[in-house]
């Protein structure tokens, strides 16, 4: 049980203010630039952030539309993007 608890705590590093700011919708329409700004790069979700964190932190910090979050998570091929380890 302790190992599972330790692993789970390692998945989430709190909320990221940089991800929160980047994911706020800037208007009625959400375009390719918005998607590009918020996606992972080489499996990393924190490349534009001041702190290092994993995908669960990006996910919980998301302030945009849920459908756009899912599109970004699924990646360009419609499959889930690789998770940051």
Protein backbone atom coordinates (compact mmCIF):
# COMPACT_ATOMS: atom_id res chain seq x y z
CA UNK A 1 0.00 0.00 0.00
CA UNK A 2 2.83 2.43 0.81
CA UNK A 3 4.47 1.80 -2.57
CA UNK A 4 1.20 2.59 -4.38
CA UNK A 5 0.79 5.75 -2.32
CA UNK A 6 4.36 6.86 -3.05
CA UNK A 7 3.94 6.20 -6.78
CA UNK A 8 0.66 8.10 -6.89
CA UNK A 9 2.10 11.11 -5.07
CA UNK A 10 4.90 11.19 -7.65
CA UNK A 11 2.40 11.59 -10.49
CA UNK A 12 1.15 14.96 -9.35
CA UNK A 13 3.34 17.96 -8.50
CA UNK A 14 0.60 20.49 -7.74
CA UNK A 15 -0.75 23.07 -10.13
CA UNK A 16 1.41 24.90 -12.65
CA UNK A 17 0.72 28.63 -13.06
CA UNK A 18 2.43 28.63 -16.46
CA UNK A 19 0.15 25.85 -17.77
CA UNK A 20 -2.88 27.59 -16.28
CA UNK A 21 -2.01 30.86 -18.01
CA UNK A 22 -1.23 29.21 -21.35
CA UNK A 23 -4.41 27.12 -21.40
CA UNK A 24 -6.86 29.97 -20.71
CA UNK A 25 -8.94 30.51 -23.86
CA UNK A 26 -8.17 33.85 -25.50
CA UNK A 27 -11.52 34.25 -27.20
CA UNK A 28 -14.42 32.44 -28.81
CA UNK A 29 -12.31 30.51 -31.31
CA UNK A 30 -9.43 28.24 -30.44
CA UNK A 31 -7.02 27.68 -33.31
CA UNK A 32 -3.88 25.81 -34.21
CA UNK A 33 -1.63 28.31 -32.40
CA UNK A 34 -3.47 27.64 -29.13
CA UNK A 35 -3.13 23.89 -29.61
CA UNK A 36 0.57 24.23 -30.47
CA UNK A 37 1.23 26.32 -27.34
CA UNK A 38 -0.34 23.72 -25.06
CA UNK A 39 0.86 20.38 -26.42
CA UNK A 40 3.72 18.28 -25.11
CA UNK A 41 7.12 18.44 -26.81
CA UNK A 42 9.08 15.18 -27.08
CA UNK A 43 6.93 13.68 -24.33
CA UNK A 44 7.50 16.63 -21.97
CA UNK A 45 4.63 18.77 -20.71
CA UNK A 46 6.80 21.37 -18.95
CA UNK A 47 9.02 22.70 -21.75
CA UNK A 48 7.51 26.19 -21.46
CA UNK A 49 7.16 26.17 -17.68
CA UNK A 50 9.33 27.52 -14.89
CA UNK A 51 9.06 24.24 -12.96
CA UNK A 52 9.49 20.63 -14.09
CA UNK A 53 6.38 18.51 -13.89
CA UNK A 54 4.52 15.58 -15.40
CA UNK A 55 1.40 15.20 -17.52
CA UNK A 56 -0.95 14.88 -14.51
CA UNK A 57 0.12 18.36 -13.35
CA UNK A 58 -0.56 19.76 -16.84
CA UNK A 59 -3.94 17.99 -16.86
CA UNK A 60 -5.07 19.35 -13.49
CA UNK A 61 -3.80 22.85 -14.35
CA UNK A 62 -5.82 22.98 -17.60
CA UNK A 63 -8.26 25.93 -17.79
CA UNK A 64 -9.38 25.52 -21.39
CA UNK A 65 -12.20 23.58 -22.99
CA UNK A 66 -12.30 19.85 -22.19
CA UNK A 67 -12.61 18.89 -25.87
CA UNK A 68 -9.39 20.75 -26.73
CA UNK A 69 -7.58 19.11 -23.79
CA UNK A 70 -8.60 15.68 -25.08
CA UNK A 71 -7.52 16.58 -28.63
CA UNK A 72 -4.08 17.62 -27.34
CA UNK A 73 -3.79 14.49 -25.20
CA UNK A 74 -4.67 12.26 -28.13
CA UNK A 75 -2.05 13.85 -30.37
CA UNK A 76 -2.10 14.40 -34.14
CA UNK A 77 -2.83 10.73 -34.94
CA UNK A 78 -5.80 10.52 -32.61
CA UNK A 79 -3.86 8.41 -30.11
CA UNK A 80 -2.87 9.35 -26.59
CA UNK A 81 0.37 11.32 -26.43
CA UNK A 82 3.26 9.68 -24.55
CA UNK A 83 3.36 10.52 -20.88
CA UNK A 84 6.32 12.26 -19.31
CA UNK A 85 8.21 9.98 -16.96
